[in-house]
């Protein structure tokens, strides 16, 4: 903006030479303004990270309590999840306290989700990654309880996901989460691969490629950290990306991609 003003003012008062110096001066002012605005980003990013961390572990506690009690297996899963993330000691202590708070009988998840939406809700990737992490946690014991699925659906609704969109994301994550494991039936493995990308066998090559590239972009570490996902939670996204790559590689073998 100041670049244009500098050119116009410089030309008006001093001719073409003035326009040249006005361009230089305006560019410098614009850069200073940009740096000043960018200086707020670390604070905004720190706030998003704090809210994301708070929401994920409060929700995990709520999920663990969804069937009426928090089992030793569920506690072990959460501890394994934190260990898998390589969380710092400070984040680990915060996560444990939040998990316990979320697991209390009378804990209301709605205010937490409202706060998440107010701070992170404008970024679709953050909302999706929150759901992905929660679905992965719910599936950690090998099966999804009806109460857990109902709570996940409720959370998804608060984040703006309709029933069909939630079901599609559930199918994708469910297949991404186990795709790298042993597969006995090649036909079933291929079907799972399509579900992992959120496409079908009838999808065109272009649609398959587009779905793959979109997912890999969503799980890119730099993009997620820039949007507010804590660094020590990026590892789960990296593992999901590996599963997506395996799925795409299998599909490629059956197509000329």
C-alpha atoms as a PDB file:
ATOM      1  CA  UNK A   1       0.000   0.000   0.000  1.00  0.00           C
ATOM      2  CA  UNK A   2       2.712   2.519   0.994  1.00  0.00           C
ATOM      3  CA  UNK A   3       4.700   1.502  -2.064  1.00  0.00           C
ATOM      4  CA  UNK A   4       1.912   2.800  -4.310  1.00  0.00           C
ATOM      5  CA  UNK A   5       1.463   5.948  -2.229  1.00  0.00           C
ATOM      6  CA  UNK A   6       5.204   6.622  -2.396  1.00  0.00           C
ATOM      7  CA  UNK A   7       5.261   6.308  -6.188  1.00  0.00           C
ATOM      8  CA  UNK A   8       2.285   8.643  -6.661  1.00  0.00           C
ATOM      9  CA  UNK A   9       3.477  11.261  -4.157  1.00  0.00           C
ATOM     10  CA  UNK A  10       7.042  11.162  -5.418  1.00  0.00           C
ATOM     11  CA  UNK A  11       5.975  11.623  -9.025  1.00  0.00           C
ATOM     12  CA  UNK A  12       3.568  14.435  -8.123  1.00  0.00           C
ATOM     13  CA  UNK A  13       6.201  16.479  -6.283  1.00  0.00           C
ATOM     14  CA  UNK A  14       9.493  15.494  -7.935  1.00  0.00           C
ATOM     15  CA  UNK A  15       8.705  13.739 -11.227  1.00  0.00           C
ATOM     16  CA  UNK A  16      10.079  10.348 -12.281  1.00  0.00           C
ATOM     17  CA  UNK A  17      13.104  10.512  -9.998  1.00  0.00           C
ATOM     18  CA  UNK A  18      10.789  11.262  -7.087  1.00  0.00           C
ATOM     19  CA  UNK A  19       8.613   8.292  -8.099  1.00  0.00           C
ATOM     20  CA  UNK A  20      11.676   6.045  -7.979  1.00  0.00           C
ATOM     21  CA  UNK A  21      12.667   7.124  -4.472  1.00  0.00           C
ATOM     22  CA  UNK A  22       9.011   6.989  -3.411  1.00  0.00           C
ATOM     23  CA  UNK A  23       8.926   3.349  -4.550  1.00  0.00           C
ATOM     24  CA  UNK A  24      11.970   2.518  -2.441  1.00  0.00           C
ATOM     25  CA  UNK A  25      10.673   4.335   0.644  1.00  0.00           C
ATOM     26  CA  UNK A  26       7.207   2.816   0.317  1.00  0.00           C
ATOM     27  CA  UNK A  27       8.675  -0.689  -0.009  1.00  0.00           C
ATOM     28  CA  UNK A  28      10.690  -0.203   3.176  1.00  0.00           C
ATOM     29  CA  UNK A  29       7.610   0.981   5.091  1.00  0.00           C
ATOM     30  CA  UNK A  30       5.536  -1.953   3.811  1.00  0.00           C
ATOM     31  CA  UNK A  31       8.222  -4.419   4.950  1.00  0.00           C
ATOM     32  CA  UNK A  32       8.379  -2.815   8.393  1.00  0.00           C
ATOM     33  CA  UNK A  33       4.594  -3.060   8.701  1.00  0.00           C
ATOM     34  CA  UNK A  34       4.672  -6.696   7.576  1.00  0.00           C
ATOM     35  CA  UNK A  35       7.302  -7.536  10.184  1.00  0.00           C
ATOM     36  CA  UNK A  36       5.281  -5.751  12.834  1.00  0.00           C
ATOM     37  CA  UNK A  37       2.191  -7.763  11.981  1.00  0.00           C
ATOM     38  CA  UNK A  38       4.163 -10.996  11.785  1.00  0.00           C
ATOM     39  CA  UNK A  39       5.562 -10.390  15.246  1.00  0.00           C
ATOM     40  CA  UNK A  40       2.127 -11.275  16.590  1.00  0.00           C
ATOM     41  CA  UNK A  41       2.166 -14.683  14.915  1.00  0.00           C
ATOM     42  CA  UNK A  42       4.350 -16.448  17.535  1.00  0.00           C
ATOM     43  CA  UNK A  43       1.925 -15.341  20.265  1.00  0.00           C
ATOM     44  CA  UNK A  44      -1.085 -16.394  18.223  1.00  0.00           C
ATOM     45  CA  UNK A  45       0.585 -19.694  17.388  1.00  0.00           C
ATOM     46  CA  UNK A  46       1.418 -20.342  21.048  1.00  0.00           C
ATOM     47  CA  UNK A  47      -2.203 -19.709  21.991  1.00  0.00           C
ATOM     48  CA  UNK A  48      -3.459 -22.102  19.305  1.00  0.00           C
ATOM     49  CA  UNK A  49      -1.004 -24.764  20.490  1.00  0.00           C
ATOM     50  CA  UNK A  50      -2.111 -24.364  24.108  1.00  0.00           C
ATOM     51  CA  UNK A  51      -5.802 -24.574  23.194  1.00  0.00           C
ATOM     52  CA  UNK A  52      -5.214 -27.522  20.859  1.00  0.00           C
ATOM     53  CA  UNK A  53      -3.323 -29.412  23.574  1.00  0.00           C
ATOM     54  CA  UNK A  54      -6.003 -28.581  26.145  1.00  0.00           C
ATOM     55  CA  UNK A  55      -8.828 -29.725  23.866  1.00  0.00           C
ATOM     56  CA  UNK A  56      -7.206 -32.973  22.733  1.00  0.00           C
ATOM     57  CA  UNK A  57      -6.507 -34.321  26.231  1.00  0.00           C
ATOM     58  CA  UNK A  58      -9.723 -33.110  27.830  1.00  0.00           C
ATOM     59  CA  UNK A  59     -11.552 -34.850  24.987  1.00  0.00           C
ATOM     60  CA  UNK A  60      -9.458 -37.991  25.427  1.00  0.00           C
ATOM     61  CA  UNK A  61     -10.447 -38.091  29.076  1.00  0.00           C
ATOM     62  CA  UNK A  62     -14.077 -37.656  28.110  1.00  0.00           C
ATOM     63  CA  UNK A  63     -13.738 -40.448  25.533  1.00  0.00           C
ATOM     64  CA  UNK A  64     -12.160 -42.807  28.052  1.00  0.00           C
ATOM     65  CA  UNK A  65     -15.061 -42.177  30.441  1.00  0.00           C
ATOM     66  CA  UNK A  66     -17.712 -42.466  27.706  1.00  0.00           C
ATOM     67  CA  UNK A  67     -18.579 -46.082  28.557  1.00  0.00           C
ATOM     68  CA  UNK A  68     -18.885 -45.307  32.282  1.00  0.00           C
ATOM     69  CA  UNK A  69     -15.420 -46.074  33.571  1.00  0.00           C
ATOM     70  CA  UNK A  70     -11.796 -45.453  32.709  1.00  0.00           C
ATOM     71  CA  UNK A  71     -10.124 -48.830  32.333  1.00  0.00           C
ATOM     72  CA  UNK A  72      -6.468 -49.622  32.970  1.00  0.00           C
ATOM     73  CA  UNK A  73      -6.157 -50.407  29.276  1.00  0.00           C
ATOM     74  CA  UNK A  74      -7.398 -46.923  28.345  1.00  0.00           C
ATOM     75  CA  UNK A  75      -4.957 -45.282  30.752  1.00  0.00           C
ATOM     76  CA  UNK A  76      -2.179 -47.399  29.274  1.00  0.00           C
ATOM     77  CA  UNK A  77      -3.227 -46.343  25.779  1.00  0.00           C
ATOM     78  CA  UNK A  78      -3.043 -42.669  26.706  1.00  0.00           C
ATOM     79  CA  UNK A  79       0.329 -43.108  28.401  1.00  0.00           C
ATOM     80  CA  UNK A  80       1.555 -44.977  25.333  1.00  0.00           C
ATOM     81  CA  UNK A  81       0.170 -42.199  23.165  1.00  0.00           C
ATOM     82  CA  UNK A  82       2.135 -39.572  25.102  1.00  0.00           C
ATOM     83  CA  UNK A  83       5.272 -41.707  24.971  1.00  0.00           C
ATOM     84  CA  UNK A  84       4.776 -42.243  21.258  1.00  0.00           C
ATOM     85  CA  UNK A  85       4.541 -38.481  20.777  1.00  0.00           C
ATOM     86  CA  UNK A  86       7.783 -37.963  22.661  1.00  0.00           C
ATOM     87  CA  UNK A  87       6.123 -35.209  24.671  1.00  0.00           C
ATOM     88  CA  UNK A  88       8.194 -32.916  26.810  1.00  0.00           C
ATOM     89  CA  UNK A  89       7.908 -33.424  30.563  1.00  0.00           C
ATOM     90  CA  UNK A  90       6.006 -30.145  30.910  1.00  0.00           C
ATOM     91  CA  UNK A  91       3.497 -31.106  28.216  1.00  0.00           C
ATOM     92  CA  UNK A  92       3.190 -34.589  29.678  1.00  0.00           C
ATOM     93  CA  UNK A  93       2.226 -33.243  33.114  1.00  0.00           C
ATOM     94  CA  UNK A  94      -0.270 -30.858  31.545  1.00  0.00           C
ATOM     95  CA  UNK A  95      -1.721 -33.670  29.446  1.00  0.00           C
ATOM     96  CA  UNK A  96      -2.203 -35.981  32.444  1.00  0.00           C
ATOM     97  CA  UNK A  97      -3.970 -33.272  34.441  1.00  0.00           C
ATOM     98  CA  UNK A  98      -6.222 -32.434  31.491  1.00  0.00           C
ATOM     99  CA  UNK A  99      -7.020 -36.101  30.856  1.00  0.00           C
ATOM    100  CA  UNK A 100      -8.057 -36.587  34.491  1.00  0.00           C
ATOM    101  CA  UNK A 101     -10.204 -33.456  34.352  1.00  0.00           C
ATOM    102  CA  UNK A 102     -11.934 -34.642  31.175  1.00  0.00           C
ATOM    103  CA  UNK A 103     -12.571 -38.051  32.742  1.00  0.00           C
ATOM    104  CA  UNK A 104     -14.530 -36.671  35.688  1.00  0.00           C
ATOM    105  CA  UNK A 105     -18.158 -37.786  35.668  1.00  0.00           C
ATOM    106  CA  UNK A 106     -19.723 -34.340  35.414  1.00  0.00           C
ATOM    107  CA  UNK A 107     -17.251 -32.825  32.932  1.00  0.00           C
ATOM    108  CA  UNK A 108     -18.994 -30.807  30.199  1.00  0.00           C
ATOM    109  CA  UNK A 109     -17.058 -30.869  26.909  1.00  0.00           C
ATOM    110  CA  UNK A 110     -19.072 -28.117  25.194  1.00  0.00           C
ATOM    111  CA  UNK A 111     -17.280 -25.063  26.705  1.00  0.00           C
ATOM    112  CA  UNK A 112     -13.955 -26.630  25.696  1.00  0.00           C
ATOM    113  CA  UNK A 113     -15.132 -27.087  22.114  1.00  0.00           C
ATOM    114  CA  UNK A 114     -16.477 -23.523  22.008  1.00  0.00           C
ATOM    115  CA  UNK A 115     -13.084 -22.214  23.132  1.00  0.00           C
ATOM    116  CA  UNK A 116     -11.372 -24.379  20.526  1.00  0.00           C
ATOM    117  CA  UNK A 117     -13.666 -23.021  17.805  1.00  0.00           C
ATOM    118  CA  UNK A 118     -13.061 -19.430  18.868  1.00  0.00           C
ATOM    119  CA  UNK A 119      -9.270 -19.815  18.728  1.00  0.00           C
ATOM    120  CA  UNK A 120      -8.699 -22.563  16.143  1.00  0.00           C
ATOM    121  CA  UNK A 121     -12.038 -23.000  14.401  1.00  0.00           C
ATOM    122  CA  UNK A 122     -11.199 -20.778  11.439  1.00  0.00           C
ATOM    123  CA  UNK A 123      -8.588 -23.336  10.334  1.00  0.00           C
ATOM    124  CA  UNK A 124     -10.161 -26.435   8.812  1.00  0.00           C
ATOM    125  CA  UNK A 125      -6.953 -28.457   9.142  1.00  0.00           C
ATOM    126  CA  UNK A 126      -6.826 -27.964  12.908  1.00  0.00           C
ATOM    127  CA  UNK A 127     -10.413 -29.120  13.314  1.00  0.00           C
ATOM    128  CA  UNK A 128      -9.747 -32.175  11.178  1.00  0.00           C
ATOM    129  CA  UNK A 129      -6.508 -33.035  12.991  1.00  0.00           C
ATOM    130  CA  UNK A 130      -8.310 -32.808  16.342  1.00  0.00           C
ATOM    131  CA  UNK A 131     -10.868 -35.336  15.144  1.00  0.00           C
ATOM    132  CA  UNK A 132      -8.179 -37.540  13.604  1.00  0.00           C
ATOM    133  CA  UNK A 133      -6.244 -37.707  16.885  1.00  0.00           C
ATOM    134  CA  UNK A 134      -9.408 -38.538  18.832  1.00  0.00           C
ATOM    135  CA  UNK A 135     -10.481 -41.235  16.382  1.00  0.00           C
ATOM    136  CA  UNK A 136      -7.012 -42.788  16.484  1.00  0.00           C
ATOM    137  CA  UNK A 137      -7.201 -42.823  20.287  1.00  0.00           C
ATOM    138  CA  UNK A 138     -10.701 -44.354  20.274  1.00  0.00           C
ATOM    139  CA  UNK A 139      -9.509 -47.102  17.926  1.00  0.00           C
ATOM    140  CA  UNK A 140      -6.342 -47.790  19.912  1.00  0.00           C
ATOM    141  CA  UNK A 141      -7.819 -50.822  21.686  1.00  0.00           C
ATOM    142  CA  UNK A 142      -8.902 -52.411  18.388  1.00  0.00           C
ATOM    143  CA  UNK A 143     -12.617 -51.656  18.557  1.00  0.00           C
ATOM    144  CA  UNK A 144     -14.920 -48.661  18.835  1.00  0.00           C
ATOM    145  CA  UNK A 145     -17.509 -48.614  21.610  1.00  0.00           C
ATOM    146  CA  UNK A 146     -20.953 -47.276  20.782  1.00  0.00           C
ATOM    147  CA  UNK A 147     -20.642 -44.582  23.470  1.00  0.00           C
ATOM    148  CA  UNK A 148     -17.271 -43.525  22.079  1.00  0.00           C
ATOM    149  CA  UNK A 149     -18.646 -43.222  18.561  1.00  0.00           C
ATOM    150  CA  UNK A 150     -21.608 -41.179  19.859  1.00  0.00           C
ATOM    151  CA  UNK A 151     -19.254 -38.779  21.650  1.00  0.00           C
ATOM    152  CA  UNK A 152     -17.012 -38.492  18.581  1.00  0.00           C
ATOM    153  CA  UNK A 153     -20.083 -37.697  16.497  1.00  0.00           C
ATOM    154  CA  UNK A 154     -21.100 -35.040  19.035  1.00  0.00           C
ATOM    155  CA  UNK A 155     -17.635 -33.463  18.948  1.00  0.00           C
ATOM    156  CA  UNK A 156     -17.613 -33.572  15.150  1.00  0.00           C
ATOM    157  CA  UNK A 157     -20.966 -31.794  15.107  1.00  0.00           C
ATOM    158  CA  UNK A 158     -19.589 -28.973  17.252  1.00  0.00           C
ATOM    159  CA  UNK A 159     -16.702 -28.645  14.798  1.00  0.00           C
ATOM    160  CA  UNK A 160     -19.073 -28.293  11.862  1.00  0.00           C
ATOM    161  CA  UNK A 161     -19.007 -31.855  10.510  1.00  0.00           C
ATOM    162  CA  UNK A 162     -22.314 -33.282   9.332  1.00  0.00           C
ATOM    163  CA  UNK A 163     -23.115 -37.009   9.743  1.00  0.00           C
ATOM    164  CA  UNK A 164     -21.896 -37.917   6.231  1.00  0.00           C
ATOM    165  CA  UNK A 165     -18.669 -35.933   6.536  1.00  0.00           C
ATOM    166  CA  UNK A 166     -17.987 -37.491   9.943  1.00  0.00           C
ATOM    167  CA  UNK A 167     -18.633 -41.004   8.628  1.00  0.00           C
ATOM    168  CA  UNK A 168     -16.273 -40.427   5.698  1.00  0.00           C
ATOM    169  CA  UNK A 169     -13.522 -39.177   8.015  1.00  0.00           C
ATOM    170  CA  UNK A 170     -14.101 -42.148  10.335  1.00  0.00           C
ATOM    171  CA  UNK A 171     -13.751 -44.579   7.424  1.00  0.00           C
ATOM    172  CA  UNK A 172     -10.592 -42.853   6.221  1.00  0.00           C
ATOM    173  CA  UNK A 173      -8.881 -42.804   9.614  1.00  0.00           C
ATOM    174  CA  UNK A 174     -10.018 -46.342  10.472  1.00  0.00           C
ATOM    175  CA  UNK A 175      -8.336 -47.641   7.324  1.00  0.00           C
ATOM    176  CA  UNK A 176      -5.312 -45.373   7.594  1.00  0.00           C
ATOM    177  CA  UNK A 177      -4.777 -46.545  11.160  1.00  0.00           C
ATOM    178  CA  UNK A 178      -4.493 -50.224  10.288  1.00  0.00           C
ATOM    179  CA  UNK A 179      -3.479 -50.177   6.651  1.00  0.00           C
ATOM    180  CA  UNK A 180       0.207 -50.767   7.276  1.00  0.00           C
ATOM    181  CA  UNK A 181      -0.547 -53.982   9.167  1.00  0.00           C
ATOM    182  CA  UNK A 182      -0.692 -57.471   7.758  1.00  0.00           C
ATOM    183  CA  UNK A 183      -3.298 -58.029   5.078  1.00  0.00           C
ATOM    184  CA  UNK A 184      -4.463 -61.495   4.032  1.00  0.00           C
ATOM    185  CA  UNK A 185      -6.903 -60.742   1.243  1.00  0.00           C
ATOM    186  CA  UNK A 186      -5.387 -58.558  -1.532  1.00  0.00           C
ATOM    187  CA  UNK A 187      -8.865 -57.502  -2.695  1.00  0.00           C
ATOM    188  CA  UNK A 188      -9.739 -56.333   0.837  1.00  0.00           C
ATOM    189  CA  UNK A 189      -6.407 -54.526   1.086  1.00  0.00           C
ATOM    190  CA  UNK A 190      -7.168 -52.631  -2.124  1.00  0.00           C
ATOM    191  CA  UNK A 191     -10.644 -51.716  -0.879  1.00  0.00           C
ATOM    192  CA  UNK A 192      -9.136 -50.455   2.370  1.00  0.00           C
ATOM    193  CA  UNK A 193      -6.599 -48.428   0.381  1.00  0.00           C
ATOM    194  CA  UNK A 194      -9.368 -46.589  -1.465  1.00  0.00           C
ATOM    195  CA  UNK A 195     -11.175 -45.904   1.820  1.00  0.00           C
ATOM    196  CA  UNK A 196      -7.951 -44.601   3.345  1.00  0.00           C
ATOM    197  CA  UNK A 197      -7.847 -41.934   0.637  1.00  0.00           C
ATOM    198  CA  UNK A 198     -11.565 -41.209   0.846  1.00  0.00           C
ATOM    199  CA  UNK A 199     -12.238 -42.306  -2.741  1.00  0.00           C
ATOM    200  CA  UNK A 200     -13.760 -45.359  -4.447  1.00  0.00           C
ATOM    201  CA  UNK A 201     -12.770 -47.873  -7.086  1.00  0.00           C
ATOM    202  CA  UNK A 202     -14.866 -45.955  -9.609  1.00  0.00           C
ATOM    203  CA  UNK A 203     -12.988 -42.702  -8.952  1.00  0.00           C
ATOM    204  CA  UNK A 204     -10.929 -41.414 -11.852  1.00  0.00           C
ATOM    205  CA  UNK A 205      -7.129 -41.356 -11.786  1.00  0.00           C
ATOM    206  CA  UNK A 206      -7.276 -37.582 -11.410  1.00  0.00           C
ATOM    207  CA  UNK A 207      -9.622 -37.856  -8.417  1.00  0.00           C
ATOM    208  CA  UNK A 208      -7.364 -40.418  -6.739  1.00  0.00           C
ATOM    209  CA  UNK A 209      -4.283 -38.244  -7.258  1.00  0.00           C
ATOM    210  CA  UNK A 210      -6.116 -35.165  -6.010  1.00  0.00           C
ATOM    211  CA  UNK A 211      -7.290 -36.956  -2.849  1.00  0.00           C
ATOM    212  CA  UNK A 212      -3.783 -38.274  -2.168  1.00  0.00           C
ATOM    213  CA  UNK A 213      -2.123 -34.882  -2.632  1.00  0.00           C
ATOM    214  CA  UNK A 214      -4.727 -33.139  -0.485  1.00  0.00           C
ATOM    215  CA  UNK A 215      -4.250 -35.592   2.380  1.00  0.00           C
ATOM    216  CA  UNK A 216      -0.451 -35.412   2.196  1.00  0.00           C
ATOM    217  CA  UNK A 217      -0.688 -31.626   2.259  1.00  0.00           C
ATOM    218  CA  UNK A 218      -2.975 -31.725   5.299  1.00  0.00           C
ATOM    219  CA  UNK A 219      -0.528 -33.947   7.184  1.00  0.00           C
ATOM    220  CA  UNK A 220       2.588 -31.946   6.234  1.00  0.00           C
ATOM    221  CA  UNK A 221       4.526 -31.193   9.459  1.00  0.00           C
ATOM    222  CA  UNK A 222       5.476 -27.605   8.581  1.00  0.00           C
ATOM    223  CA  UNK A 223       1.898 -26.746   7.655  1.00  0.00           C
ATOM    224  CA  UNK A 224       0.473 -28.267  10.834  1.00  0.00           C
ATOM    225  CA  UNK A 225       3.010 -26.553  13.097  1.00  0.00           C
ATOM    226  CA  UNK A 226       2.360 -23.254  11.342  1.00  0.00           C
ATOM    227  CA  UNK A 227      -1.342 -23.619  12.070  1.00  0.00           C
ATOM    228  CA  UNK A 228      -0.868 -24.393  15.756  1.00  0.00           C
ATOM    229  CA  UNK A 229      -0.407 -28.154  16.190  1.00  0.00           C
ATOM    230  CA  UNK A 230       2.192 -28.667  18.962  1.00  0.00           C
ATOM    231  CA  UNK A 231       5.516 -29.977  17.677  1.00  0.00           C
ATOM    232  CA  UNK A 232       5.456 -33.098  19.826  1.00  0.00           C
ATOM    233  CA  UNK A 233       2.071 -34.080  18.326  1.00  0.00           C
ATOM    234  CA  UNK A 234       3.298 -33.994  14.742  1.00  0.00           C
ATOM    235  CA  UNK A 235       4.548 -37.591  14.945  1.00  0.00           C
ATOM    236  CA  UNK A 236       1.029 -39.015  14.814  1.00  0.00           C
ATOM    237  CA  UNK A 237       0.348 -37.018  11.662  1.00  0.00           C
ATOM    238  CA  UNK A 238       3.599 -38.337  10.199  1.00  0.00           C
ATOM    239  CA  UNK A 239       2.497 -41.916  10.842  1.00  0.00           C
ATOM    240  CA  UNK A 240      -0.877 -41.220   9.234  1.00  0.00           C
ATOM    241  CA  UNK A 241       0.969 -39.825   6.216  1.00  0.00           C
ATOM    242  CA  UNK A 242       2.971 -43.056   5.953  1.00  0.00           C
ATOM    243  CA  UNK A 243      -0.242 -45.082   5.924  1.00  0.00           C
ATOM    244  CA  UNK A 244      -1.662 -42.820   3.215  1.00  0.00           C
ATOM    245  CA  UNK A 245       1.488 -43.316   1.155  1.00  0.00           C
ATOM    246  CA  UNK A 246       1.200 -47.106   1.514  1.00  0.00           C
ATOM    247  CA  UNK A 247      -2.425 -46.956   0.413  1.00  0.00           C
ATOM    248  CA  UNK A 248      -1.605 -44.806  -2.596  1.00  0.00           C
ATOM    249  CA  UNK A 249       1.321 -47.051  -3.579  1.00  0.00           C
ATOM    250  CA  UNK A 250      -0.986 -50.081  -3.602  1.00  0.00           C
ATOM    251  CA  UNK A 251      -3.559 -48.278  -5.734  1.00  0.00           C
ATOM    252  CA  UNK A 252      -0.821 -47.172  -8.136  1.00  0.00           C
ATOM    253  CA  UNK A 253       0.040 -50.805  -8.792  1.00  0.00           C
ATOM    254  CA  UNK A 254      -3.439 -51.398 -10.179  1.00  0.00           C
ATOM    255  CA  UNK A 255      -3.554 -48.171 -12.201  1.00  0.00           C
ATOM    256  CA  UNK A 256      -1.262 -46.300 -14.536  1.00  0.00           C
ATOM    257  CA  UNK A 257      -0.674 -43.407 -12.111  1.00  0.00           C
END
